[in-house]
Amino acid sequence: MSKLSIMSELWEFLKVRKKWWLFPIVFFLLLIGAMLFLAEGSAVAPFIYTLF
């Protein structure tokens, strides 16, 4: 299964089941994951890890 198909299935689930309140949760989880991934090897990493 590709990542694109997983995202499309998630979108279809949210659209069909009217679970719009899940969208902000998923968005912020993806945002935090991207921040941690991008700051993994940089000098900013110690400051991001103190947020959690």
Protein backbone atom coordinates (compact mmCIF):
# COMPACT_ATOMS: atom_id res chain seq x y z
CA MET A 1 0.00 0.00 0.00
CA SER A 2 1.39 3.37 -0.92
CA LYS A 3 1.31 6.42 1.32
CA LEU A 4 -0.89 8.20 -1.18
CA SER A 5 -3.56 5.49 -1.00
CA ILE A 6 -3.53 5.64 2.80
CA MET A 7 -4.07 9.40 2.70
CA SER A 8 -6.87 9.05 0.14
CA GLU A 9 -8.56 6.40 2.27
CA LEU A 10 -8.31 8.65 5.32
CA TRP A 11 -9.81 11.54 3.34
CA GLU A 12 -12.68 9.33 2.12
CA PHE A 13 -13.33 8.14 5.68
CA LEU A 14 -13.48 11.71 6.97
CA LYS A 15 -15.72 12.78 4.12
CA VAL A 16 -18.18 9.85 4.22
CA ARG A 17 -18.46 9.52 8.00
CA LYS A 18 -18.56 13.30 8.61
CA LYS A 19 -15.72 13.09 11.11
CA TRP A 20 -14.49 16.64 10.46
CA TRP A 21 -13.32 17.05 14.05
CA LEU A 22 -10.55 14.50 13.35
CA PHE A 23 -8.95 16.67 10.65
CA PRO A 24 -7.24 19.17 13.02
CA ILE A 25 -5.86 16.32 15.14
CA VAL A 26 -4.39 14.56 12.11
CA PHE A 27 -3.04 17.86 10.75
CA PHE A 28 -1.22 18.75 13.96
CA LEU A 29 0.20 15.24 14.34
CA LEU A 30 1.60 15.44 10.82
CA LEU A 31 2.96 18.92 11.50
CA ILE A 32 4.73 17.84 14.70
CA GLY A 33 6.10 14.75 12.95
CA ALA A 34 7.47 16.87 10.11
CA MET A 35 9.08 19.28 12.57
CA LEU A 36 10.79 16.44 14.41
CA PHE A 37 11.94 14.85 11.16
CA LEU A 38 13.35 18.08 9.74
CA ALA A 39 15.08 19.14 12.97
CA GLU A 40 16.56 15.70 13.61
CA GLY A 41 20.15 16.57 12.79
CA SER A 42 20.20 20.30 13.26
CA ALA A 43 21.12 22.62 16.11
CA VAL A 44 17.41 23.34 16.66
CA ALA A 45 16.70 19.79 17.84
CA PRO A 46 17.38 20.37 21.58
CA PHE A 47 14.92 23.27 21.60
CA ILE A 48 12.17 21.30 19.87
CA TYR A 49 12.59 18.33 22.19
CA THR A 50 12.11 20.57 25.23
CA LEU A 51 8.59 21.38 23.97
CA PHE A 52 7.58 17.79 24.58
